[in-house]
Amino acid sequence: MSLHEELLELALEIAGETGRMLVGKRPVEGPAVVQTKSSPTDVVTQMDRAAEQLIVERIRAARPADAILGEESGASAGGSAVRWVVDPIDGTVNYLYDLPDWSVSIAAEIDGRTAVGVVEVPRRGETYLAVRGGGARLRDAAGERPLRCTADVPLNRALVATGFGYESRRRAHQARVLTGVLPHVRDIRRGGACSVDLCTLAAGRVDGYYERGVQLWDIAAGTLIVEEAGGRVGGLHGAAPGPEFVLAAGPGTFEALHDLLAPLDPARD
């Protein structure tokens, strides 16, 4: 078994176990909010922490020398070429409200480059996976099939996903950006979980996605899945994707959406 295959198998196993735990242990009345982060709407539940603890324990048991970057626990050093990038619940507010668009997102880097990505969407029964150079696939009740982004979709026929930040000033500017985008596209969708939005793009269910304020753990697995599905992920004006801005779409659509967004200054608050 190659290193890529080993990492993929482990990521799939851990993401599946974590997803089942999160579904099975969610209280009927909803999980308790442990704390808020950047604003009262940016919540952390006890299940975020429990999920990350489970993921880290499983990685440590299987590969004790690897580094790990987790949303809740931060970075821990390792002695191998592998680093795991973990979001235990992407879309915590959706999880809190028992909405289906939340995920367990696990990526594995080798020498600083994402090699494997898995996004588990338990409430939809979907597992998205990709290996660099090996394509992207979706597993669900119907079996397993390859993913492919749409391409060259004219903006007036493009369905575009986006997300909003937690701070009121950022949201106000994002609303202004949205008013500049909406008249020129087919419509807008707001799912509430970056990793799920990226996988939805990879599956051809939306034609583009953009957002300001996402972190590495939000996009690490989903970016690889989009790229292996034939799409492109970047920032503005050739920058890398990151907290400043993320834009994703298939060829042709990416460039058109970028040129629509750039004059709207979407990477500021």
Protein backbone atom coordinates (compact mmCIF):
# COMPACT_ATOMS: atom_id res chain seq x y z
CA MET A 1 0.00 0.00 0.00
CA SER A 2 1.37 3.42 -0.96
CA LEU A 3 1.53 6.29 1.51
CA HIS A 4 -1.31 8.06 -0.29
CA GLU A 5 -3.49 4.96 -0.05
CA GLU A 6 -2.65 4.53 3.62
CA LEU A 7 -3.56 8.12 4.43
CA LEU A 8 -6.80 7.95 2.44
CA GLU A 9 -7.88 4.73 4.14
CA LEU A 10 -7.19 6.20 7.57
CA ALA A 11 -8.95 9.50 6.79
CA LEU A 12 -12.03 7.67 5.51
CA GLU A 13 -12.15 5.43 8.55
CA ILE A 14 -11.78 8.28 11.04
CA ALA A 15 -14.19 10.66 9.26
CA GLY A 16 -16.84 7.93 9.09
CA GLU A 17 -16.48 7.05 12.77
CA THR A 18 -16.57 10.70 13.81
CA GLY A 19 -19.64 11.40 11.70
CA ARG A 20 -21.51 8.47 13.22
CA MET A 21 -20.57 9.62 16.71
CA LEU A 22 -21.79 13.15 16.03
CA VAL A 23 -25.14 11.97 14.67
CA GLY A 24 -25.64 9.43 17.43
CA LYS A 25 -24.76 11.68 20.35
CA ARG A 26 -26.51 14.86 19.29
CA PRO A 27 -29.10 15.66 22.01
CA VAL A 28 -32.66 16.13 20.81
CA GLU A 29 -32.70 19.62 22.29
CA GLY A 30 -29.43 20.46 20.55
CA PRO A 31 -25.85 20.46 21.85
CA ALA A 32 -24.73 22.93 24.47
CA VAL A 33 -22.70 25.93 23.39
CA VAL A 34 -19.38 25.77 25.23
CA GLN A 35 -18.12 29.17 24.17
CA THR A 36 -18.21 31.74 21.39
CA LYS A 37 -15.16 32.84 19.42
CA SER A 38 -15.06 35.95 17.24
CA SER A 39 -18.68 36.98 17.94
CA PRO A 40 -21.85 35.69 19.67
CA THR A 41 -22.79 33.92 16.42
CA ASP A 42 -19.42 32.10 16.16
CA VAL A 43 -20.07 29.14 18.44
CA VAL A 44 -18.19 26.10 19.70
CA THR A 45 -20.15 23.17 21.09
CA GLN A 46 -19.04 20.36 23.35
CA MET A 47 -19.37 18.09 20.30
CA ASP A 48 -16.78 20.09 18.30
CA ARG A 49 -14.29 19.33 21.03
CA ALA A 50 -15.33 15.71 21.44
CA ALA A 51 -15.11 15.14 17.69
CA GLU A 52 -11.65 16.66 17.42
CA GLN A 53 -10.44 14.65 20.41
CA LEU A 54 -11.63 11.45 18.73
CA ILE A 55 -9.94 12.35 15.43
CA VAL A 56 -6.65 13.25 17.10
CA GLU A 57 -6.67 10.08 19.20
CA ARG A 58 -7.24 7.91 16.13
CA ILE A 59 -4.48 9.64 14.15
CA ARG A 60 -2.06 9.39 17.07
CA ALA A 61 -2.81 5.69 17.51
CA ALA A 62 -2.18 4.92 13.84
CA ARG A 63 0.57 7.44 13.00
CA PRO A 64 2.12 8.90 16.19
CA ALA A 65 4.88 10.81 14.37
CA ASP A 66 2.56 12.95 12.21
CA ALA A 67 1.82 16.63 12.88
CA ILE A 68 -1.77 17.77 13.33
CA LEU A 69 -3.50 21.12 12.83
CA GLY A 70 -6.98 21.15 14.34
CA GLU A 71 -9.52 23.96 14.49
CA GLU A 72 -10.13 23.52 18.21
CA SER A 73 -6.76 22.32 19.53
CA GLY A 74 -4.38 24.21 17.26
CA ALA A 75 -1.08 22.90 15.90
CA SER A 76 1.05 20.06 17.23
CA ALA A 77 4.46 19.24 15.79
CA GLY A 78 5.48 15.91 14.35
CA GLY A 79 8.55 14.11 13.13
CA SER A 80 7.28 12.82 9.78
CA ALA A 81 6.57 14.47 6.42
CA VAL A 82 2.82 14.22 7.06
CA ARG A 83 0.54 16.82 8.62
CA TRP A 84 -3.20 16.36 9.16
CA VAL A 85 -5.54 19.35 8.84
CA VAL A 86 -8.79 18.74 10.71
CA ASP A 87 -12.13 20.49 11.03
CA PRO A 88 -14.19 18.30 13.39
CA ILE A 89 -17.48 20.02 12.55
CA ASP A 90 -17.52 22.42 9.63
CA GLY A 91 -20.89 24.12 9.86
CA THR A 92 -21.32 24.05 13.65
CA VAL A 93 -24.36 26.35 13.52
CA ASN A 94 -26.04 23.93 11.10
CA TYR A 95 -25.22 21.08 13.49
CA LEU A 96 -26.57 23.14 16.39
CA TYR A 97 -29.87 23.67 14.55
CA ASP A 98 -30.05 20.11 13.15
CA LEU A 99 -29.65 21.26 9.55
CA PRO A 100 -28.00 18.70 7.23
CA ASP A 101 -25.14 20.73 5.72
CA TRP A 102 -22.30 20.12 8.15
CA SER A 103 -19.27 17.92 7.74
CA VAL A 104 -16.20 16.27 9.19
CA SER A 105 -13.29 17.50 7.07
CA ILE A 106 -9.90 15.74 7.15
CA ALA A 107 -6.94 16.45 4.88
CA ALA A 108 -3.43 15.01 4.92
CA GLU A 109 -0.44 16.96 3.63
CA ILE A 110 2.86 15.43 2.55
CA ASP A 111 5.79 17.86 2.66
CA GLY A 112 3.38 20.78 2.90
CA ARG A 113 1.16 19.86 -0.05
CA THR A 114 -2.31 18.40 0.37
CA ALA A 115 -2.23 14.79 -0.79
CA VAL A 116 -5.53 13.38 0.48
CA GLY A 117 -8.88 14.97 1.28
CA VAL A 118 -12.03 13.51 2.82
CA VAL A 119 -15.24 15.39 3.58
CA GLU A 120 -17.90 13.34 5.36
CA VAL A 121 -21.45 14.76 5.27
CA PRO A 122 -23.26 12.36 7.62
CA ARG A 123 -26.78 13.73 7.47
CA ARG A 124 -26.74 13.42 3.67
CA GLY A 125 -25.07 10.01 3.67
CA GLU A 126 -22.27 11.34 1.46
CA THR A 127 -18.50 10.91 1.56
CA TYR A 128 -16.35 13.01 -0.77
CA LEU A 129 -12.76 11.92 -1.30
CA ALA A 130 -9.75 12.79 -3.41
CA VAL A 131 -6.12 11.78 -3.83
CA ARG A 132 -3.77 14.15 -5.60
CA GLY A 133 -3.41 12.93 -9.16
CA GLY A 134 -6.08 10.27 -8.63
CA GLY A 135 -9.31 12.19 -9.17
CA ALA A 136 -12.23 12.95 -6.86
CA ARG A 137 -15.13 10.67 -6.03
CA LEU A 138 -18.42 10.61 -4.17
CA ARG A 139 -19.61 7.63 -2.14
CA ASP A 140 -23.26 7.42 -1.16
CA ALA A 141 -26.13 4.93 -1.08
CA ALA A 142 -25.98 4.64 -4.88
CA GLY A 143 -22.34 3.54 -4.84
CA GLU A 144 -19.20 5.42 -5.87
CA ARG A 145 -18.79 7.71 -8.83
CA PRO A 146 -16.31 10.29 -10.12
CA LEU A 147 -16.89 14.00 -9.59
CA ARG A 148 -16.64 16.70 -12.23
CA CYS A 149 -17.11 20.45 -11.93
CA THR A 150 -19.14 22.32 -14.50
CA ALA A 151 -17.10 24.50 -16.86
CA ASP A 152 -17.59 27.55 -19.07
CA VAL A 153 -20.97 28.38 -17.55
CA PRO A 154 -22.06 31.91 -18.55
CA LEU A 155 -22.54 34.06 -15.46
CA ASN A 156 -26.21 34.64 -16.18
CA ARG A 157 -26.70 30.86 -15.94
CA ALA A 158 -24.32 30.25 -13.02
CA LEU A 159 -25.63 29.13 -9.65
CA VAL A 160 -23.17 30.53 -7.11
CA ALA A 161 -22.67 29.52 -3.48
CA THR A 162 -21.29 31.85 -0.82
CA GLY A 163 -20.97 32.28 2.91
CA PHE A 164 -20.95 35.11 5.42
CA GLY A 165 -18.66 36.04 8.30
CA TYR A 166 -19.53 36.36 11.96
CA GLU A 167 -18.74 40.01 12.63
CA SER A 168 -21.40 42.59 11.82
CA ARG A 169 -19.09 44.95 9.92
CA ARG A 170 -17.88 42.14 7.68
CA ARG A 171 -21.43 40.97 7.07
CA ALA A 172 -22.50 44.46 6.06
CA HIS A 173 -19.80 44.63 3.39
CA GLN A 174 -20.55 41.09 2.24
CA ALA A 175 -24.16 42.15 1.75
CA ARG A 176 -22.98 45.01 -0.47
CA VAL A 177 -20.83 42.59 -2.48
CA LEU A 178 -23.81 40.28 -2.83
CA THR A 179 -25.95 43.06 -4.31
CA GLY A 180 -23.25 43.49 -6.95
CA VAL A 181 -23.19 39.80 -7.80
CA LEU A 182 -26.83 38.78 -7.66
CA PRO A 183 -28.10 40.72 -10.71
CA HIS A 184 -25.49 39.03 -12.92
CA VAL A 185 -25.88 35.34 -11.97
CA ARG A 186 -28.66 32.78 -12.08
CA ASP A 187 -29.02 32.77 -8.28
CA ILE A 188 -27.17 32.53 -4.97
CA ARG A 189 -27.09 29.67 -2.47
CA ARG A 190 -25.96 29.83 1.17
CA GLY A 191 -25.36 26.40 2.68
CA GLY A 192 -23.44 27.31 5.83
CA ALA A 193 -20.39 25.03 5.58
CA CYS A 194 -17.41 25.85 3.37
CA SER A 195 -16.25 22.26 2.90
CA VAL A 196 -19.74 21.17 1.86
CA ASP A 197 -20.00 24.11 -0.56
CA LEU A 198 -16.71 23.08 -2.18
CA CYS A 199 -17.88 19.48 -2.54
CA THR A 200 -21.21 20.67 -3.94
CA LEU A 201 -19.19 22.55 -6.56
CA ALA A 202 -17.08 19.46 -7.30
CA ALA A 203 -20.29 17.48 -7.84
CA GLY A 204 -21.60 20.01 -10.37
CA ARG A 205 -24.51 21.06 -8.15
CA VAL A 206 -23.39 24.69 -8.15
CA ASP A 207 -21.18 26.47 -10.67
CA GLY A 208 -19.11 28.71 -8.40
CA TYR A 209 -18.33 29.54 -4.79
CA TYR A 210 -16.73 32.50 -3.04
CA GLU A 211 -16.23 33.58 0.57
CA ARG A 212 -14.07 35.76 2.80
CA GLY A 213 -12.85 34.58 6.20
CA VAL A 214 -12.43 30.82 5.82
CA GLN A 215 -9.46 29.10 7.45
CA LEU A 216 -7.13 26.35 6.26
CA TRP A 217 -9.06 23.63 8.06
CA ASP A 218 -12.24 24.76 6.27
CA ILE A 219 -10.76 24.45 2.79
CA ALA A 220 -7.88 21.94 2.91
CA ALA A 221 -9.82 18.81 1.97
CA GLY A 222 -12.43 20.57 -0.16
CA THR A 223 -9.84 22.40 -2.26
CA LEU A 224 -8.19 19.15 -3.28
CA ILE A 225 -11.58 17.62 -4.08
CA VAL A 226 -12.46 20.57 -6.34
CA GLU A 227 -9.10 20.53 -8.08
CA GLU A 228 -9.26 16.78 -8.68
CA ALA A 229 -12.77 17.29 -10.07
CA GLY A 230 -11.33 19.65 -12.70
CA GLY A 231 -12.01 22.93 -10.92
CA ARG A 232 -9.85 25.81 -9.82
CA VAL A 233 -9.48 27.32 -6.34
CA GLY A 234 -7.68 30.60 -5.69
CA GLY A 235 -7.80 34.08 -4.27
CA LEU A 236 -8.04 37.42 -6.06
CA HIS A 237 -5.54 38.51 -8.72
CA GLY A 238 -3.60 35.23 -8.64
CA ALA A 239 -3.26 35.01 -4.86
CA ALA A 240 -3.52 31.70 -3.06
CA PRO A 241 -6.82 30.86 -1.35
CA GLY A 242 -6.93 31.75 2.32
CA PRO A 243 -8.67 33.81 5.00
CA GLU A 244 -8.56 36.92 2.80
CA PHE A 245 -10.64 35.33 0.06
CA VAL A 246 -11.50 32.03 -1.60
CA LEU A 247 -12.96 31.66 -5.07
CA ALA A 248 -13.70 28.30 -6.68
CA ALA A 249 -15.28 27.31 -10.00
CA GLY A 250 -14.68 25.30 -13.11
CA PRO A 251 -12.54 26.56 -16.01
CA GLY A 252 -14.01 29.60 -17.74
CA THR A 253 -16.52 30.20 -14.96
CA PHE A 254 -13.68 30.92 -12.51
CA GLU A 255 -12.28 33.73 -14.64
CA ALA A 256 -15.68 35.29 -15.32
CA LEU A 257 -16.70 35.17 -11.66
CA HIS A 258 -13.34 36.58 -10.61
CA ASP A 259 -13.74 39.54 -12.96
CA LEU A 260 -17.23 40.19 -11.61
CA LEU A 261 -16.10 40.05 -7.98
CA ALA A 262 -12.76 41.86 -8.10
CA PRO A 263 -14.11 45.43 -8.60
CA LEU A 264 -16.50 44.86 -5.67
CA ASP A 265 -13.52 44.58 -3.27
CA PRO A 266 -14.80 41.41 -1.58
CA ALA A 267 -11.60 40.79 0.41
CA ARG A 268 -12.09 43.68 2.83
CA ASP A 269 -14.36 44.26 5.79
